[in-house]
Amino acid sequence: MLEVKTFSGADVAPHLDAVAALRIAVFRDWPYLYDGDPVYESHYLATYAKSPESLFVLALDGGRVVGASTGIPLADESENFRAPFAAKGIVERDVFYFGESVLLREYRGRGLGHRFFDEREGYARRLGRFGMTAFCSVERAAADPRRPPVYVPNDAFWTKRGYLRQDDMFCAIDWREIGAAEPCAHALRFWLRSLA
């Protein structure tokens, strides 16, 4: 029986290892091709656990975490994510940033993607001081030979939810891809939506 629960800040602590394992499993697939790093995961998720106004939306099947979606006030995020907003003149205190939505393949197509966005947007509105939500997603070349022939990007889904693709807002994150010896930089594009 699937259930969706939300947690804020340190309340997510009992689930951090499960969320880290889920991120490693899901991001191993295209387009991230992430060769999971538990040390990085621990550091990354600690940022969210330390923010009292962070949000974790967890999909659980019999208590097992099978999906997770996160959000955090942009002001509590790392500089790497904040800098593109400052460069564009967007005040960081006005932005609630969405970290990721990850869901095991066998649980997709059940409406959880929409539920993750609904929960995070609703939470940002309830906090009462954010005018915008945002997230970023990795960019891959259309001709990349590793791209699965049946892959459908989420762009249409995000656009229907009111998010606008930014042609001038990117950040770079280093990770090691499957089969690579060393980490390398990856470009991630931002998508923004007004909460008004």
N, C-alpha and C. Protein backbone atom coordinates (compact mmCIF):
# COMPACT_ATOMS: atom_id res chain seq x y z
N MET A 1 0.86 -1.19 0.00
CA MET A 1 0.00 0.00 0.00
C MET A 1 0.89 1.24 0.00
N LEU A 2 0.77 2.06 -1.04
CA LEU A 2 1.58 3.26 -1.13
C LEU A 2 1.02 4.36 -0.26
N GLU A 3 1.89 5.06 0.43
CA GLU A 3 1.49 6.24 1.17
C GLU A 3 2.54 7.32 0.97
N VAL A 4 2.10 8.57 1.07
CA VAL A 4 3.00 9.70 0.90
C VAL A 4 3.03 10.47 2.22
N LYS A 5 4.23 10.70 2.74
CA LYS A 5 4.40 11.43 3.99
C LYS A 5 5.39 12.57 3.78
N THR A 6 5.21 13.64 4.54
CA THR A 6 6.12 14.78 4.46
C THR A 6 6.85 14.97 5.79
N PHE A 7 8.08 15.46 5.67
CA PHE A 7 8.94 15.70 6.83
C PHE A 7 9.68 17.02 6.59
N SER A 8 9.96 17.73 7.67
CA SER A 8 10.73 18.97 7.56
C SER A 8 11.99 18.89 8.40
N GLY A 9 13.08 19.45 7.86
CA GLY A 9 14.32 19.57 8.60
C GLY A 9 14.82 18.27 9.18
N ALA A 10 15.19 18.31 10.46
CA ALA A 10 15.81 17.17 11.12
C ALA A 10 14.88 15.97 11.26
N ASP A 11 13.57 16.18 11.07
CA ASP A 11 12.63 15.06 11.19
C ASP A 11 12.86 13.98 10.15
N VAL A 12 13.59 14.31 9.09
CA VAL A 12 13.85 13.32 8.04
C VAL A 12 15.03 12.41 8.39
N ALA A 13 15.75 12.72 9.45
CA ALA A 13 16.99 12.00 9.79
C ALA A 13 16.87 10.48 9.71
N PRO A 14 15.80 9.87 10.22
CA PRO A 14 15.72 8.40 10.14
C PRO A 14 15.66 7.86 8.71
N HIS A 15 15.34 8.73 7.73
CA HIS A 15 15.17 8.27 6.35
C HIS A 15 16.33 8.67 5.43
N LEU A 16 17.34 9.36 5.95
CA LEU A 16 18.38 9.89 5.09
C LEU A 16 19.14 8.81 4.33
N ASP A 17 19.46 7.73 5.00
CA ASP A 17 20.19 6.65 4.31
C ASP A 17 19.36 6.07 3.18
N ALA A 18 18.05 5.92 3.41
CA ALA A 18 17.18 5.37 2.37
C ALA A 18 17.06 6.32 1.19
N VAL A 19 16.99 7.62 1.48
CA VAL A 19 16.90 8.62 0.40
C VAL A 19 18.21 8.63 -0.39
N ALA A 20 19.34 8.55 0.30
CA ALA A 20 20.64 8.51 -0.39
C ALA A 20 20.72 7.30 -1.31
N ALA A 21 20.31 6.14 -0.81
CA ALA A 21 20.35 4.91 -1.63
C ALA A 21 19.42 5.03 -2.84
N LEU A 22 18.27 5.66 -2.64
CA LEU A 22 17.32 5.85 -3.74
C LEU A 22 17.89 6.78 -4.80
N ARG A 23 18.51 7.88 -4.36
CA ARG A 23 19.13 8.81 -5.32
C ARG A 23 20.20 8.08 -6.14
N ILE A 24 21.02 7.29 -5.48
CA ILE A 24 22.08 6.56 -6.19
C ILE A 24 21.48 5.61 -7.21
N ALA A 25 20.42 4.91 -6.83
CA ALA A 25 19.79 3.94 -7.74
C ALA A 25 19.15 4.61 -8.94
N VAL A 26 18.36 5.67 -8.70
CA VAL A 26 17.62 6.31 -9.79
C VAL A 26 18.54 7.11 -10.70
N PHE A 27 19.48 7.84 -10.10
CA PHE A 27 20.37 8.68 -10.91
C PHE A 27 21.43 7.87 -11.66
N ARG A 28 21.46 6.58 -11.46
CA ARG A 28 22.37 5.73 -12.23
C ARG A 28 21.91 5.64 -13.69
N ASP A 29 20.62 5.83 -13.91
CA ASP A 29 20.05 5.77 -15.25
C ASP A 29 20.28 7.07 -16.01
N TRP A 30 20.06 7.01 -17.32
CA TRP A 30 20.06 8.20 -18.16
C TRP A 30 18.97 9.15 -17.66
N PRO A 31 19.23 10.46 -17.62
CA PRO A 31 20.36 11.16 -18.22
C PRO A 31 21.52 11.46 -17.27
N TYR A 32 21.44 11.02 -16.00
CA TYR A 32 22.51 11.38 -15.06
C TYR A 32 23.71 10.44 -15.15
N LEU A 33 23.47 9.15 -15.28
CA LEU A 33 24.55 8.15 -15.38
C LEU A 33 25.53 8.28 -14.21
N TYR A 34 24.97 8.52 -13.04
CA TYR A 34 25.74 8.80 -11.82
C TYR A 34 26.24 7.51 -11.18
N ASP A 35 27.54 7.43 -11.02
CA ASP A 35 28.15 6.31 -10.30
C ASP A 35 28.18 6.70 -8.83
N GLY A 36 27.14 6.34 -8.11
CA GLY A 36 26.84 6.85 -6.77
C GLY A 36 28.00 6.93 -5.80
N ASP A 37 28.01 8.02 -5.04
CA ASP A 37 29.04 8.31 -4.06
C ASP A 37 28.37 8.55 -2.70
N PRO A 38 28.40 7.55 -1.80
CA PRO A 38 27.74 7.72 -0.50
C PRO A 38 28.26 8.90 0.31
N VAL A 39 29.54 9.24 0.17
CA VAL A 39 30.09 10.39 0.91
C VAL A 39 29.45 11.68 0.42
N TYR A 40 29.36 11.84 -0.90
CA TYR A 40 28.70 13.02 -1.47
C TYR A 40 27.24 13.07 -1.03
N GLU A 41 26.56 11.93 -1.09
CA GLU A 41 25.15 11.89 -0.72
C GLU A 41 24.93 12.34 0.71
N SER A 42 25.79 11.89 1.60
CA SER A 42 25.69 12.27 3.01
C SER A 42 25.84 13.78 3.18
N HIS A 43 26.82 14.34 2.49
CA HIS A 43 27.07 15.79 2.57
C HIS A 43 25.90 16.57 1.96
N TYR A 44 25.45 16.13 0.79
CA TYR A 44 24.36 16.82 0.09
C TYR A 44 23.09 16.82 0.93
N LEU A 45 22.68 15.67 1.44
CA LEU A 45 21.44 15.58 2.19
C LEU A 45 21.52 16.26 3.55
N ALA A 46 22.73 16.38 4.10
CA ALA A 46 22.90 17.07 5.38
C ALA A 46 22.48 18.54 5.26
N THR A 47 22.69 19.15 4.10
CA THR A 47 22.28 20.53 3.88
C THR A 47 20.77 20.66 4.08
N TYR A 48 20.03 19.69 3.58
CA TYR A 48 18.57 19.71 3.71
C TYR A 48 18.14 19.40 5.14
N ALA A 49 18.77 18.44 5.76
CA ALA A 49 18.40 18.07 7.13
C ALA A 49 18.67 19.20 8.11
N LYS A 50 19.67 20.05 7.80
CA LYS A 50 20.01 21.15 8.70
C LYS A 50 19.09 22.35 8.55
N SER A 51 18.40 22.45 7.44
CA SER A 51 17.50 23.59 7.21
C SER A 51 16.15 23.31 7.86
N PRO A 52 15.73 24.11 8.84
CA PRO A 52 14.47 23.83 9.53
C PRO A 52 13.25 23.92 8.62
N GLU A 53 13.38 24.59 7.48
CA GLU A 53 12.24 24.74 6.57
C GLU A 53 12.38 23.91 5.30
N SER A 54 13.29 22.95 5.32
CA SER A 54 13.38 22.05 4.18
C SER A 54 12.17 21.13 4.18
N LEU A 55 11.93 20.51 3.03
CA LEU A 55 10.80 19.58 2.93
C LEU A 55 11.26 18.30 2.24
N PHE A 56 10.87 17.18 2.81
CA PHE A 56 11.04 15.88 2.18
C PHE A 56 9.66 15.27 1.99
N VAL A 57 9.34 14.93 0.77
CA VAL A 57 8.09 14.23 0.46
C VAL A 57 8.51 12.80 0.11
N LEU A 58 8.10 11.86 0.92
CA LEU A 58 8.51 10.48 0.72
C LEU A 58 7.33 9.60 0.34
N ALA A 59 7.55 8.79 -0.70
CA ALA A 59 6.58 7.76 -1.08
C ALA A 59 7.06 6.47 -0.45
N LEU A 60 6.19 5.84 0.32
CA LEU A 60 6.56 4.63 1.04
C LEU A 60 5.65 3.47 0.66
N ASP A 61 6.24 2.33 0.50
CA ASP A 61 5.48 1.10 0.23
C ASP A 61 5.80 0.14 1.37
N GLY A 62 4.85 0.00 2.28
CA GLY A 62 5.08 -0.84 3.45
C GLY A 62 6.24 -0.35 4.30
N GLY A 63 6.42 0.96 4.35
CA GLY A 63 7.51 1.55 5.14
C GLY A 63 8.80 1.71 4.37
N ARG A 64 8.92 1.11 3.20
CA ARG A 64 10.14 1.23 2.38
C ARG A 64 10.05 2.48 1.52
N VAL A 65 11.11 3.29 1.52
CA VAL A 65 11.14 4.51 0.71
C VAL A 65 11.36 4.12 -0.74
N VAL A 66 10.34 4.40 -1.59
CA VAL A 66 10.43 4.08 -3.01
C VAL A 66 10.45 5.33 -3.88
N GLY A 67 10.22 6.48 -3.25
CA GLY A 67 10.26 7.75 -3.96
C GLY A 67 10.55 8.86 -2.97
N ALA A 68 11.20 9.91 -3.46
CA ALA A 68 11.52 11.04 -2.59
C ALA A 68 11.59 12.31 -3.41
N SER A 69 11.16 13.40 -2.82
CA SER A 69 11.19 14.70 -3.47
C SER A 69 11.54 15.72 -2.39
N THR A 70 12.42 16.64 -2.71
CA THR A 70 12.90 17.57 -1.68
C THR A 70 12.75 19.02 -2.10
N GLY A 71 12.74 19.89 -1.12
CA GLY A 71 12.71 21.33 -1.35
C GLY A 71 13.36 22.04 -0.19
N ILE A 72 13.83 23.26 -0.44
CA ILE A 72 14.55 24.01 0.58
C ILE A 72 14.53 25.50 0.21
N PRO A 73 14.46 26.39 1.19
CA PRO A 73 14.64 27.80 0.84
C PRO A 73 15.98 27.98 0.14
N LEU A 74 15.99 28.68 -0.98
CA LEU A 74 17.23 28.84 -1.74
C LEU A 74 18.34 29.41 -0.87
N ALA A 75 17.99 30.27 0.07
CA ALA A 75 19.00 30.88 0.95
C ALA A 75 19.75 29.84 1.78
N ASP A 76 19.16 28.65 1.96
CA ASP A 76 19.81 27.58 2.72
C ASP A 76 20.58 26.61 1.84
N GLU A 77 20.50 26.80 0.52
CA GLU A 77 21.22 25.93 -0.42
C GLU A 77 22.69 26.36 -0.51
N SER A 78 23.49 25.53 -1.19
CA SER A 78 24.90 25.85 -1.37
C SER A 78 25.07 26.96 -2.40
N GLU A 79 26.23 27.58 -2.37
CA GLU A 79 26.53 28.70 -3.26
C GLU A 79 26.41 28.32 -4.72
N ASN A 80 26.74 27.09 -5.04
CA ASN A 80 26.68 26.62 -6.42
C ASN A 80 25.29 26.79 -7.02
N PHE A 81 24.25 26.57 -6.20
CA PHE A 81 22.88 26.71 -6.67
C PHE A 81 22.38 28.14 -6.56
N ARG A 82 22.89 28.91 -5.59
CA ARG A 82 22.42 30.28 -5.39
C ARG A 82 22.99 31.25 -6.41
N ALA A 83 24.23 31.03 -6.84
CA ALA A 83 24.93 32.00 -7.70
C ALA A 83 24.18 32.35 -8.99
N PRO A 84 23.58 31.38 -9.72
CA PRO A 84 22.89 31.75 -10.96
C PRO A 84 21.72 32.71 -10.73
N PHE A 85 21.07 32.63 -9.58
CA PHE A 85 19.97 33.54 -9.27
C PHE A 85 20.51 34.95 -9.02
N ALA A 86 21.59 35.03 -8.26
CA ALA A 86 22.20 36.34 -8.01
C ALA A 86 22.65 36.98 -9.31
N ALA A 87 23.22 36.18 -10.20
CA ALA A 87 23.70 36.71 -11.48
C ALA A 87 22.56 37.25 -12.33
N LYS A 88 21.35 36.70 -12.15
CA LYS A 88 20.19 37.15 -12.91
C LYS A 88 19.40 38.22 -12.18
N GLY A 89 19.86 38.61 -10.98
CA GLY A 89 19.18 39.65 -10.22
C GLY A 89 17.96 39.18 -9.47
N ILE A 90 17.82 37.86 -9.27
CA ILE A 90 16.69 37.30 -8.52
C ILE A 90 17.10 37.20 -7.06
N VAL A 91 16.28 37.75 -6.18
CA VAL A 91 16.59 37.76 -4.74
C VAL A 91 16.38 36.36 -4.19
N GLU A 92 17.42 35.78 -3.59
CA GLU A 92 17.35 34.38 -3.18
C GLU A 92 16.30 34.12 -2.11
N ARG A 93 16.01 35.09 -1.26
CA ARG A 93 15.02 34.86 -0.21
C ARG A 93 13.60 34.72 -0.76
N ASP A 94 13.42 35.06 -2.05
CA ASP A 94 12.10 34.93 -2.68
C ASP A 94 11.88 33.57 -3.32
N VAL A 95 12.92 32.70 -3.29
CA VAL A 95 12.87 31.46 -4.05
C VAL A 95 12.86 30.23 -3.14
N PHE A 96 11.92 29.32 -3.39
CA PHE A 96 11.96 28.01 -2.76
C PHE A 96 12.45 27.04 -3.82
N TYR A 97 13.56 26.37 -3.51
CA TYR A 97 14.27 25.55 -4.50
C TYR A 97 13.90 24.07 -4.32
N PHE A 98 13.60 23.40 -5.43
CA PHE A 98 13.31 21.97 -5.42
C PHE A 98 14.58 21.20 -5.75
N GLY A 99 14.98 20.31 -4.84
CA GLY A 99 16.20 19.53 -5.06
C GLY A 99 16.03 18.48 -6.13
N GLU A 100 15.23 17.48 -5.89
CA GLU A 100 15.06 16.40 -6.86
C GLU A 100 13.76 15.66 -6.58
N SER A 101 13.32 14.94 -7.58
CA SER A 101 12.26 13.95 -7.41
C SER A 101 12.82 12.65 -7.99
N VAL A 102 12.88 11.63 -7.16
CA VAL A 102 13.39 10.33 -7.60
C VAL A 102 12.36 9.27 -7.22
N LEU A 103 12.13 8.37 -8.15
CA LEU A 103 11.10 7.35 -7.95
C LEU A 103 11.54 6.08 -8.66
N LEU A 104 11.46 4.97 -7.96
CA LEU A 104 11.82 3.70 -8.59
C LEU A 104 10.93 3.45 -9.80
N ARG A 105 11.49 2.86 -10.84
CA ARG A 105 10.80 2.70 -12.12
C ARG A 105 9.43 2.03 -11.98
N GLU A 106 9.34 1.01 -11.13
CA GLU A 106 8.09 0.25 -11.04
C GLU A 106 6.95 1.02 -10.39
N TYR A 107 7.26 2.20 -9.82
CA TYR A 107 6.23 3.01 -9.18
C TYR A 107 5.84 4.22 -10.02
N ARG A 108 6.40 4.34 -11.21
CA ARG A 108 6.10 5.47 -12.08
C ARG A 108 4.76 5.25 -12.78
N GLY A 109 4.16 6.37 -13.23
CA GLY A 109 2.88 6.29 -13.91
C GLY A 109 1.68 6.19 -12.99
N ARG A 110 1.88 6.49 -11.71
CA ARG A 110 0.79 6.42 -10.73
C ARG A 110 0.41 7.79 -10.18
N GLY A 111 0.92 8.85 -10.81
CA GLY A 111 0.58 10.20 -10.37
C GLY A 111 1.48 10.77 -9.29
N LEU A 112 2.52 10.03 -8.91
CA LEU A 112 3.39 10.52 -7.84
C LEU A 112 4.23 11.73 -8.26
N GLY A 113 4.56 11.83 -9.54
CA GLY A 113 5.30 13.00 -10.01
C GLY A 113 4.53 14.28 -9.75
N HIS A 114 3.22 14.27 -10.09
CA HIS A 114 2.38 15.43 -9.81
C HIS A 114 2.24 15.65 -8.30
N ARG A 115 2.09 14.57 -7.57
CA ARG A 115 1.93 14.69 -6.11
C ARG A 115 3.17 15.34 -5.49
N PHE A 116 4.35 14.96 -5.97
CA PHE A 116 5.59 15.56 -5.45
C PHE A 116 5.59 17.07 -5.68
N PHE A 117 5.21 17.50 -6.89
CA PHE A 117 5.17 18.94 -7.17
C PHE A 117 4.08 19.62 -6.36
N ASP A 118 2.90 19.01 -6.27
CA ASP A 118 1.81 19.60 -5.48
C ASP A 118 2.23 19.83 -4.04
N GLU A 119 2.86 18.84 -3.44
CA GLU A 119 3.26 18.95 -2.03
C GLU A 119 4.30 20.05 -1.83
N ARG A 120 5.28 20.12 -2.72
CA ARG A 120 6.34 21.12 -2.56
C ARG A 120 5.83 22.53 -2.83
N GLU A 121 5.01 22.69 -3.88
CA GLU A 121 4.47 24.02 -4.17
C GLU A 121 3.53 24.48 -3.06
N GLY A 122 2.70 23.57 -2.57
CA GLY A 122 1.79 23.91 -1.48
C GLY A 122 2.54 24.32 -0.22
N TYR A 123 3.60 23.60 0.07
CA TYR A 123 4.42 23.92 1.25
C TYR A 123 5.05 25.29 1.10
N ALA A 124 5.61 25.60 -0.08
CA ALA A 124 6.22 26.91 -0.31
C ALA A 124 5.18 28.02 -0.14
N ARG A 125 3.96 27.79 -0.62
CA ARG A 125 2.90 28.79 -0.45
C ARG A 125 2.54 28.97 1.03
N ARG A 126 2.47 27.87 1.76
CA ARG A 126 2.11 27.96 3.18
C ARG A 126 3.16 28.70 4.00
N LEU A 127 4.39 28.61 3.58
CA LEU A 127 5.43 29.37 4.30
C LEU A 127 5.21 30.86 4.14
N GLY A 128 4.55 31.27 3.06
CA GLY A 128 4.03 32.62 2.94
C GLY A 128 4.97 33.72 2.51
N ARG A 129 6.19 33.39 2.14
CA ARG A 129 7.10 34.47 1.77
C ARG A 129 7.85 34.23 0.46
N PHE A 130 7.50 33.19 -0.25
CA PHE A 130 8.19 32.86 -1.50
C PHE A 130 7.33 33.23 -2.70
N GLY A 131 7.95 33.87 -3.69
CA GLY A 131 7.24 34.25 -4.90
C GLY A 131 7.54 33.33 -6.06
N MET A 132 8.49 32.40 -5.87
CA MET A 132 8.94 31.58 -6.98
C MET A 132 9.42 30.23 -6.50
N THR A 133 9.19 29.21 -7.32
CA THR A 133 9.82 27.90 -7.10
C THR A 133 10.72 27.63 -8.30
N ALA A 134 11.74 26.80 -8.07
CA ALA A 134 12.73 26.56 -9.11
C ALA A 134 13.39 25.20 -8.91
N PHE A 135 13.92 24.68 -9.99
CA PHE A 135 14.74 23.47 -9.91
C PHE A 135 15.69 23.49 -11.09
N CYS A 136 16.62 22.56 -11.12
CA CYS A 136 17.50 22.43 -12.28
C CYS A 136 17.60 20.96 -12.67
N SER A 137 17.95 20.74 -13.93
CA SER A 137 18.03 19.39 -14.48
C SER A 137 19.21 19.30 -15.43
N VAL A 138 19.84 18.14 -15.44
CA VAL A 138 21.04 17.97 -16.26
C VAL A 138 20.72 18.12 -17.75
N GLU A 139 21.64 18.73 -18.46
CA GLU A 139 21.54 18.89 -19.92
C GLU A 139 22.43 17.85 -20.60
N ARG A 140 21.89 17.18 -21.58
CA ARG A 140 22.66 16.23 -22.38
C ARG A 140 22.48 16.56 -23.86
N ALA A 141 23.50 16.30 -24.63
CA ALA A 141 23.43 16.52 -26.07
C ALA A 141 22.40 15.57 -26.68
N ALA A 142 21.60 16.10 -27.60
CA ALA A 142 20.57 15.27 -28.24
C ALA A 142 21.18 14.09 -28.97
N ALA A 143 22.40 14.27 -29.46
CA ALA A 143 23.05 13.20 -30.24
C ALA A 143 23.93 12.29 -29.38
N ASP A 144 23.87 12.43 -28.07
CA ASP A 144 24.70 11.57 -27.20
C ASP A 144 24.37 10.11 -27.50
N PRO A 145 25.36 9.31 -27.88
CA PRO A 145 25.07 7.91 -28.25
C PRO A 145 24.56 7.06 -27.10
N ARG A 146 24.71 7.53 -25.87
CA ARG A 146 24.23 6.76 -24.72
C ARG A 146 22.73 6.97 -24.45
N ARG A 147 22.14 7.92 -25.14
CA ARG A 147 20.73 8.24 -24.93
C ARG A 147 19.85 7.06 -25.35
N PRO A 148 19.02 6.53 -24.46
CA PRO A 148 18.15 5.40 -24.84
C PRO A 148 17.17 5.81 -25.93
N PRO A 149 16.90 4.94 -26.88
CA PRO A 149 16.00 5.31 -27.99
C PRO A 149 14.58 5.62 -27.55
N VAL A 150 14.16 5.08 -26.42
CA VAL A 150 12.78 5.30 -25.96
C VAL A 150 12.69 6.39 -24.88
N TYR A 151 13.80 7.09 -24.63
CA TYR A 151 13.80 8.09 -23.56
C TYR A 151 12.91 9.28 -23.93
N VAL A 152 12.05 9.68 -22.98
CA VAL A 152 11.22 10.87 -23.16
C VAL A 152 11.58 11.84 -22.03
N PRO A 153 12.11 13.02 -22.37
CA PRO A 153 12.46 13.98 -21.32
C PRO A 153 11.21 14.51 -20.62
N ASN A 154 11.41 15.12 -19.46
CA ASN A 154 10.30 15.64 -18.66
C ASN A 154 9.89 17.06 -19.03
N ASP A 155 10.47 17.62 -20.07
CA ASP A 155 10.22 19.03 -20.41
C ASP A 155 8.73 19.34 -20.56
N ALA A 156 7.99 18.48 -21.24
CA ALA A 156 6.56 18.74 -21.46
C ALA A 156 5.80 18.71 -20.13
N PHE A 157 6.15 17.78 -19.27
CA PHE A 157 5.52 17.69 -17.95
C PHE A 157 5.77 18.95 -17.15
N TRP A 158 7.03 19.40 -17.12
CA TRP A 158 7.38 20.61 -16.36
C TRP A 158 6.70 21.84 -16.94
N THR A 159 6.65 21.93 -18.27
CA THR A 159 6.01 23.08 -18.92
C THR A 159 4.52 23.13 -18.58
N LYS A 160 3.85 21.97 -18.58
CA LYS A 160 2.42 21.92 -18.23
C LYS A 160 2.18 22.35 -16.79
N ARG A 161 3.18 22.17 -15.95
CA ARG A 161 3.04 22.59 -14.55
C ARG A 161 3.37 24.06 -14.37
N GLY A 162 3.70 24.75 -15.46
CA GLY A 162 3.93 26.19 -15.39
C GLY A 162 5.38 26.61 -15.25
N TYR A 163 6.30 25.67 -15.39
CA TYR A 163 7.72 26.01 -15.28
C TYR A 163 8.28 26.48 -16.61
N LEU A 164 9.11 27.50 -16.54
CA LEU A 164 9.71 28.07 -17.74
C LEU A 164 11.19 27.71 -17.80
N ARG A 165 11.58 27.13 -18.91
CA ARG A 165 12.98 26.75 -19.17
C ARG A 165 13.81 28.02 -19.33
N GLN A 166 14.90 28.10 -18.59
CA GLN A 166 15.76 29.28 -18.63
C GLN A 166 16.94 29.04 -19.57
N ASP A 167 17.08 29.92 -20.55
CA ASP A 167 18.16 29.75 -21.50
C ASP A 167 19.47 30.37 -21.02
N ASP A 168 19.42 31.09 -19.91
CA ASP A 168 20.62 31.77 -19.43
C ASP A 168 20.92 31.47 -17.96
N MET A 169 20.39 30.37 -17.45
CA MET A 169 20.65 30.01 -16.04
C MET A 169 21.09 28.55 -15.94
N PHE A 170 22.33 28.38 -15.58
CA PHE A 170 22.91 27.05 -15.44
C PHE A 170 23.78 27.01 -14.19
N CYS A 171 23.95 25.82 -13.64
CA CYS A 171 25.00 25.60 -12.65
C CYS A 171 25.77 24.36 -13.09
N ALA A 172 26.92 24.15 -12.49
CA ALA A 172 27.73 22.98 -12.83
C ALA A 172 27.96 22.17 -11.57
N ILE A 173 27.77 20.86 -11.69
CA ILE A 173 28.00 19.94 -10.58
C ILE A 173 28.91 18.82 -11.08
N ASP A 174 29.89 18.49 -10.27
CA ASP A 174 30.80 17.40 -10.61
C ASP A 174 30.26 16.08 -10.07
N TRP A 175 30.26 15.05 -10.92
CA TRP A 175 30.05 13.69 -10.43
C TRP A 175 30.74 12.72 -11.39
N ARG A 176 30.97 11.53 -10.87
CA ARG A 176 31.61 10.49 -11.69
C ARG A 176 30.52 9.69 -12.39
N GLU A 177 30.66 9.60 -13.70
CA GLU A 177 29.72 8.81 -14.48
C GLU A 177 30.11 7.34 -14.44
N ILE A 178 29.16 6.49 -14.71
CA ILE A 178 29.41 5.05 -14.79
C ILE A 178 30.51 4.79 -15.81
N GLY A 179 31.53 4.07 -15.40
CA GLY A 179 32.63 3.72 -16.29
C GLY A 179 33.74 4.74 -16.37
N ALA A 180 33.57 5.91 -15.72
CA ALA A 180 34.61 6.95 -15.76
C ALA A 180 35.55 6.79 -14.57
N ALA A 181 36.79 7.21 -14.76
CA ALA A 181 37.78 7.11 -13.69
C ALA A 181 37.67 8.27 -12.71
N GLU A 182 37.30 9.45 -13.19
CA GLU A 182 37.27 10.64 -12.36
C GLU A 182 35.95 11.39 -12.53
N PRO A 183 35.57 12.18 -11.53
CA PRO A 183 34.39 13.03 -11.69
C PRO A 183 34.65 14.09 -12.77
N CYS A 184 33.57 14.56 -13.38
CA CYS A 184 33.68 15.68 -14.32
C CYS A 184 32.47 16.58 -14.15
N ALA A 185 32.57 17.82 -14.66
CA ALA A 185 31.51 18.81 -14.51
C ALA A 185 30.35 18.51 -15.45
N HIS A 186 29.14 18.73 -14.95
CA HIS A 186 27.93 18.56 -15.74
C HIS A 186 27.10 19.83 -15.63
N ALA A 187 26.57 20.28 -16.76
CA ALA A 187 25.72 21.47 -16.77
C ALA A 187 24.29 21.10 -16.44
N LEU A 188 23.68 21.88 -15.55
CA LEU A 188 22.28 21.70 -15.20
C LEU A 188 21.54 23.00 -15.48
N ARG A 189 20.42 22.89 -16.18
CA ARG A 189 19.62 24.06 -16.56
C ARG A 189 18.52 24.29 -15.52
N PHE A 190 18.25 25.57 -15.23
CA PHE A 190 17.19 25.91 -14.29
C PHE A 190 15.84 26.10 -14.99
N TRP A 191 14.81 25.75 -14.24
CA TRP A 191 13.43 25.97 -14.62
C TRP A 191 12.77 26.74 -13.48
N LEU A 192 11.99 27.78 -13.80
CA LEU A 192 11.40 28.66 -12.79
C LEU A 192 9.88 28.76 -12.97
N ARG A 193 9.21 28.97 -11.84
CA ARG A 193 7.76 29.19 -11.89
C ARG A 193 7.36 30.22 -10.82
N SER A 194 6.54 31.15 -11.20
CA SER A 194 5.99 32.10 -10.24
C SER A 194 4.91 31.41 -9.41
N LEU A 195 4.89 31.70 -8.11
CA LEU A 195 3.86 31.14 -7.24
C LEU A 195 2.63 32.04 -7.18
N ALA A 196 2.69 33.19 -7.84
CA ALA A 196 1.57 34.13 -7.79
C ALA A 196 0.33 33.52 -8.45
